Amino acid sequence: MIGLGQWQTEVNTMFFRGRIIVVVTDVNGAYDLQLTLPDSDLQVPEINLTETHEEGNTLSAKATVAALPGKTIDINLTFEEDYAHGTVKMPYIGTVKIDKAVKVG
């Protein structure tokens, strides 16, 4: 499995601007993603990965959240030794670019 650990970055969207931490874990051989906003009181919905695919050091995934029924989130993250980069395409928000997410755990 690739990208396991905690990755921190800054994002700037029309709905949220600030620091995020993405936690990538192995749950019985399947990927799990959790998102936290350490500097915000916003509640982050549970992320349910419906598909994952590894190619080299890139993890592609499709996810759903209860707040967006019937909608899919597309995740594409490339993991280097101590940083990650990629995109997250979300309904109603668009594509959020992830630049140099630093491994923090």
N, C-alpha and C. Protein backbone atom coordinates (compact mmCIF):
# COMPACT_ATOMS: atom_id res chain seq x y z
N MET A 1 0.85 -1.18 0.00
CA MET A 1 0.00 0.00 0.00
C MET A 1 0.89 1.24 0.00
N ILE A 2 0.43 2.26 -0.69
CA ILE A 2 1.21 3.49 -0.80
C ILE A 2 0.53 4.63 -0.05
N GLY A 3 1.32 5.61 0.37
CA GLY A 3 0.79 6.83 0.95
C GLY A 3 0.26 6.72 2.36
N LEU A 4 0.53 5.63 3.05
CA LEU A 4 0.02 5.50 4.41
C LEU A 4 0.63 6.57 5.31
N GLY A 5 -0.19 7.17 6.14
CA GLY A 5 0.28 8.19 7.06
C GLY A 5 -0.59 9.43 7.05
N GLN A 6 -0.06 10.50 7.64
CA GLN A 6 -0.77 11.77 7.72
C GLN A 6 -0.08 12.78 6.83
N TRP A 7 -0.88 13.48 6.03
CA TRP A 7 -0.38 14.45 5.05
C TRP A 7 -1.06 15.78 5.28
N GLN A 8 -0.27 16.84 5.43
CA GLN A 8 -0.81 18.17 5.72
C GLN A 8 -0.55 19.12 4.56
N THR A 9 -1.56 19.92 4.22
CA THR A 9 -1.41 20.91 3.16
C THR A 9 -2.37 22.07 3.42
N GLU A 10 -2.24 23.11 2.63
CA GLU A 10 -3.15 24.26 2.66
C GLU A 10 -4.01 24.20 1.41
N VAL A 11 -5.30 24.50 1.56
CA VAL A 11 -6.19 24.59 0.42
C VAL A 11 -6.89 25.93 0.43
N ASN A 12 -7.34 26.33 -0.75
CA ASN A 12 -8.03 27.60 -0.89
C ASN A 12 -9.18 27.40 -1.88
N THR A 13 -10.39 27.22 -1.34
CA THR A 13 -11.58 27.07 -2.18
C THR A 13 -12.58 28.14 -1.77
N MET A 14 -13.66 28.24 -2.52
CA MET A 14 -14.68 29.24 -2.18
C MET A 14 -15.40 28.88 -0.88
N PHE A 15 -15.33 27.62 -0.44
CA PHE A 15 -16.02 27.20 0.77
C PHE A 15 -15.11 27.04 1.98
N PHE A 16 -13.82 26.84 1.73
CA PHE A 16 -12.89 26.65 2.84
C PHE A 16 -11.49 27.09 2.41
N ARG A 17 -10.84 27.78 3.32
CA ARG A 17 -9.45 28.19 3.11
C ARG A 17 -8.70 27.89 4.40
N GLY A 18 -7.66 27.07 4.29
CA GLY A 18 -6.88 26.76 5.48
C GLY A 18 -6.17 25.43 5.39
N ARG A 19 -5.73 24.98 6.54
CA ARG A 19 -4.93 23.76 6.66
C ARG A 19 -5.84 22.55 6.74
N ILE A 20 -5.45 21.49 6.02
CA ILE A 20 -6.15 20.21 6.11
C ILE A 20 -5.13 19.12 6.39
N ILE A 21 -5.59 18.08 7.03
CA ILE A 21 -4.77 16.89 7.24
C ILE A 21 -5.55 15.70 6.69
N VAL A 22 -4.93 14.98 5.78
CA VAL A 22 -5.50 13.77 5.21
C VAL A 22 -4.78 12.59 5.83
N VAL A 23 -5.54 11.66 6.38
CA VAL A 23 -4.96 10.47 7.00
C VAL A 23 -5.31 9.28 6.11
N VAL A 24 -4.27 8.61 5.62
CA VAL A 24 -4.43 7.43 4.76
C VAL A 24 -4.05 6.22 5.59
N THR A 25 -4.99 5.28 5.74
CA THR A 25 -4.73 4.09 6.56
C THR A 25 -5.09 2.81 5.82
N ASP A 26 -4.55 1.73 6.33
CA ASP A 26 -4.82 0.38 5.83
C ASP A 26 -5.78 -0.27 6.82
N VAL A 27 -6.98 -0.60 6.35
CA VAL A 27 -7.96 -1.29 7.19
C VAL A 27 -8.20 -2.66 6.57
N ASN A 28 -7.51 -3.65 7.11
CA ASN A 28 -7.64 -5.03 6.63
C ASN A 28 -7.40 -5.16 5.13
N GLY A 29 -6.36 -4.48 4.65
CA GLY A 29 -5.99 -4.57 3.24
C GLY A 29 -6.72 -3.61 2.32
N ALA A 30 -7.59 -2.77 2.86
CA ALA A 30 -8.31 -1.78 2.06
C ALA A 30 -7.92 -0.38 2.54
N TYR A 31 -7.90 0.57 1.62
CA TYR A 31 -7.57 1.95 1.97
C TYR A 31 -8.73 2.60 2.71
N ASP A 32 -8.38 3.51 3.63
CA ASP A 32 -9.36 4.37 4.29
C ASP A 32 -8.76 5.77 4.31
N LEU A 33 -9.60 6.77 4.11
CA LEU A 33 -9.19 8.17 4.15
C LEU A 33 -10.02 8.91 5.17
N GLN A 34 -9.35 9.72 5.96
CA GLN A 34 -10.03 10.61 6.90
C GLN A 34 -9.47 12.00 6.68
N LEU A 35 -10.31 13.00 6.82
CA LEU A 35 -9.93 14.39 6.61
C LEU A 35 -10.23 15.17 7.87
N THR A 36 -9.27 15.98 8.32
CA THR A 36 -9.51 16.86 9.46
C THR A 36 -9.12 18.27 9.07
N LEU A 37 -9.80 19.22 9.70
CA LEU A 37 -9.53 20.65 9.52
C LEU A 37 -9.12 21.19 10.88
N PRO A 38 -7.83 21.11 11.22
CA PRO A 38 -7.40 21.41 12.59
C PRO A 38 -7.63 22.86 13.03
N ASP A 39 -7.77 23.79 12.10
CA ASP A 39 -7.94 25.20 12.46
C ASP A 39 -9.38 25.68 12.26
N SER A 40 -10.32 24.74 12.17
CA SER A 40 -11.70 25.10 11.86
C SER A 40 -12.67 24.32 12.73
N ASP A 41 -13.84 24.91 12.94
CA ASP A 41 -14.91 24.23 13.67
C ASP A 41 -15.84 23.47 12.73
N LEU A 42 -15.56 23.51 11.43
CA LEU A 42 -16.40 22.80 10.46
C LEU A 42 -16.35 21.30 10.71
N GLN A 43 -17.49 20.65 10.59
CA GLN A 43 -17.57 19.21 10.74
C GLN A 43 -17.30 18.56 9.38
N VAL A 44 -16.38 17.63 9.33
CA VAL A 44 -16.02 16.94 8.10
C VAL A 44 -16.82 15.65 8.03
N PRO A 45 -17.56 15.44 6.93
CA PRO A 45 -18.33 14.20 6.82
C PRO A 45 -17.42 13.00 6.63
N GLU A 46 -17.93 11.83 6.99
CA GLU A 46 -17.18 10.59 6.80
C GLU A 46 -17.01 10.33 5.30
N ILE A 47 -15.81 9.96 4.92
CA ILE A 47 -15.49 9.66 3.52
C ILE A 47 -15.56 8.16 3.33
N ASN A 48 -16.33 7.73 2.34
CA ASN A 48 -16.45 6.30 2.03
C ASN A 48 -15.81 6.04 0.68
N LEU A 49 -14.68 5.35 0.68
CA LEU A 49 -14.03 5.01 -0.58
C LEU A 49 -14.80 3.88 -1.24
N THR A 50 -15.16 4.07 -2.51
CA THR A 50 -15.91 3.04 -3.23
C THR A 50 -15.03 2.30 -4.21
N GLU A 51 -13.94 2.90 -4.64
CA GLU A 51 -12.97 2.27 -5.55
C GLU A 51 -11.59 2.83 -5.23
N THR A 52 -10.58 1.99 -5.34
CA THR A 52 -9.20 2.48 -5.26
C THR A 52 -8.37 1.75 -6.29
N HIS A 53 -7.35 2.44 -6.78
CA HIS A 53 -6.46 1.85 -7.78
C HIS A 53 -5.07 2.44 -7.58
N GLU A 54 -4.09 1.57 -7.50
CA GLU A 54 -2.69 2.00 -7.40
C GLU A 54 -2.01 1.82 -8.74
N GLU A 55 -1.24 2.81 -9.13
CA GLU A 55 -0.38 2.69 -10.30
C GLU A 55 0.92 3.39 -9.97
N GLY A 56 1.97 2.61 -9.77
CA GLY A 56 3.24 3.18 -9.33
C GLY A 56 3.06 3.80 -7.96
N ASN A 57 3.38 5.10 -7.85
CA ASN A 57 3.23 5.79 -6.57
C ASN A 57 2.00 6.70 -6.55
N THR A 58 1.03 6.41 -7.44
CA THR A 58 -0.21 7.19 -7.52
C THR A 58 -1.40 6.36 -7.05
N LEU A 59 -2.18 6.96 -6.18
CA LEU A 59 -3.41 6.35 -5.69
C LEU A 59 -4.59 7.12 -6.29
N SER A 60 -5.44 6.42 -7.02
CA SER A 60 -6.67 7.00 -7.55
C SER A 60 -7.82 6.37 -6.80
N ALA A 61 -8.81 7.18 -6.47
CA ALA A 61 -9.95 6.66 -5.72
C ALA A 61 -11.22 7.41 -6.08
N LYS A 62 -12.32 6.73 -5.87
CA LYS A 62 -13.64 7.34 -5.95
C LYS A 62 -14.23 7.23 -4.56
N ALA A 63 -14.91 8.30 -4.15
CA ALA A 63 -15.45 8.34 -2.80
C ALA A 63 -16.84 8.97 -2.80
N THR A 64 -17.57 8.70 -1.73
CA THR A 64 -18.86 9.33 -1.51
C THR A 64 -18.89 9.88 -0.09
N VAL A 65 -19.77 10.86 0.11
CA VAL A 65 -20.05 11.38 1.45
C VAL A 65 -21.56 11.53 1.56
N ALA A 66 -22.09 11.34 2.76
CA ALA A 66 -23.53 11.38 2.96
C ALA A 66 -24.13 12.74 2.59
N ALA A 67 -23.36 13.80 2.73
CA ALA A 67 -23.87 15.15 2.43
C ALA A 67 -24.12 15.37 0.94
N LEU A 68 -23.58 14.51 0.08
CA LEU A 68 -23.75 14.63 -1.36
C LEU A 68 -24.28 13.32 -1.93
N PRO A 69 -25.51 12.96 -1.62
CA PRO A 69 -26.04 11.68 -2.08
C PRO A 69 -26.05 11.58 -3.60
N GLY A 70 -25.60 10.43 -4.10
CA GLY A 70 -25.58 10.20 -5.53
C GLY A 70 -24.43 10.84 -6.27
N LYS A 71 -23.57 11.55 -5.57
CA LYS A 71 -22.42 12.24 -6.19
C LYS A 71 -21.13 11.52 -5.84
N THR A 72 -20.17 11.60 -6.75
CA THR A 72 -18.88 10.94 -6.55
C THR A 72 -17.76 11.97 -6.48
N ILE A 73 -16.82 11.73 -5.60
CA ILE A 73 -15.61 12.54 -5.47
C ILE A 73 -14.47 11.74 -6.08
N ASP A 74 -13.71 12.37 -6.99
CA ASP A 74 -12.56 11.71 -7.62
C ASP A 74 -11.28 12.22 -6.97
N ILE A 75 -10.47 11.29 -6.49
CA ILE A 75 -9.23 11.60 -5.79
C ILE A 75 -8.07 11.01 -6.58
N ASN A 76 -7.03 11.81 -6.77
CA ASN A 76 -5.84 11.35 -7.50
C ASN A 76 -4.63 11.95 -6.79
N LEU A 77 -3.90 11.13 -6.05
CA LEU A 77 -2.75 11.60 -5.27
C LEU A 77 -1.50 10.80 -5.62
N THR A 78 -0.42 11.52 -5.86
CA THR A 78 0.88 10.90 -6.11
C THR A 78 1.75 11.14 -4.88
N PHE A 79 2.31 10.06 -4.37
CA PHE A 79 3.10 10.13 -3.15
C PHE A 79 4.58 10.01 -3.47
N GLU A 80 5.34 10.99 -3.04
CA GLU A 80 6.79 10.96 -3.10
C GLU A 80 7.26 10.55 -1.70
N GLU A 81 8.55 10.60 -1.46
CA GLU A 81 9.06 10.12 -0.17
C GLU A 81 8.47 10.88 1.02
N ASP A 82 8.47 12.22 0.97
CA ASP A 82 8.00 12.99 2.11
C ASP A 82 6.97 14.05 1.74
N TYR A 83 6.41 13.97 0.54
CA TYR A 83 5.32 14.88 0.17
C TYR A 83 4.41 14.20 -0.85
N ALA A 84 3.24 14.77 -1.01
CA ALA A 84 2.27 14.26 -1.97
C ALA A 84 1.68 15.43 -2.76
N HIS A 85 1.17 15.12 -3.95
CA HIS A 85 0.51 16.15 -4.76
C HIS A 85 -0.56 15.48 -5.61
N GLY A 86 -1.52 16.25 -6.05
CA GLY A 86 -2.58 15.68 -6.88
C GLY A 86 -3.79 16.57 -6.92
N THR A 87 -4.96 15.95 -7.18
CA THR A 87 -6.21 16.69 -7.28
C THR A 87 -7.34 15.93 -6.60
N VAL A 88 -8.32 16.70 -6.18
CA VAL A 88 -9.56 16.15 -5.65
C VAL A 88 -10.68 16.89 -6.38
N LYS A 89 -11.49 16.16 -7.14
CA LYS A 89 -12.58 16.76 -7.90
C LYS A 89 -13.88 16.49 -7.15
N MET A 90 -14.51 17.60 -6.68
CA MET A 90 -15.71 17.48 -5.87
C MET A 90 -16.90 18.16 -6.54
N PRO A 91 -18.07 17.53 -6.46
CA PRO A 91 -19.27 18.16 -7.01
C PRO A 91 -19.52 19.52 -6.35
N TYR A 92 -19.97 20.47 -7.12
CA TYR A 92 -20.33 21.82 -6.69
C TYR A 92 -19.14 22.69 -6.31
N ILE A 93 -17.98 22.10 -6.11
CA ILE A 93 -16.79 22.87 -5.72
C ILE A 93 -15.81 22.93 -6.88
N GLY A 94 -15.65 21.84 -7.58
CA GLY A 94 -14.70 21.76 -8.69
C GLY A 94 -13.45 21.01 -8.27
N THR A 95 -12.39 21.24 -9.01
CA THR A 95 -11.13 20.54 -8.76
C THR A 95 -10.27 21.33 -7.79
N VAL A 96 -9.87 20.67 -6.72
CA VAL A 96 -8.98 21.28 -5.73
C VAL A 96 -7.60 20.67 -5.95
N LYS A 97 -6.63 21.53 -6.22
CA LYS A 97 -5.26 21.08 -6.45
C LYS A 97 -4.55 20.94 -5.11
N ILE A 98 -3.88 19.82 -4.94
CA ILE A 98 -3.08 19.57 -3.73
C ILE A 98 -1.61 19.70 -4.15
N ASP A 99 -0.96 20.72 -3.59
CA ASP A 99 0.46 20.96 -3.88
C ASP A 99 1.29 20.68 -2.63
N LYS A 100 2.28 19.86 -2.77
CA LYS A 100 3.24 19.61 -1.71
C LYS A 100 2.61 19.39 -0.34
N ALA A 101 1.74 18.40 -0.25
CA ALA A 101 1.24 17.98 1.05
C ALA A 101 2.42 17.30 1.76
N VAL A 102 2.75 17.78 2.93
CA VAL A 102 3.91 17.31 3.67
C VAL A 102 3.50 16.17 4.60
N LYS A 103 4.32 15.12 4.63
CA LYS A 103 4.05 14.00 5.54
C LYS A 103 4.35 14.44 6.96
N VAL A 104 3.35 14.33 7.84
CA VAL A 104 3.51 14.77 9.23
C VAL A 104 3.31 13.63 10.22
N GLY A 105 3.14 12.44 9.73
CA GLY A 105 2.96 11.31 10.65
C GLY A 105 2.76 10.03 9.91
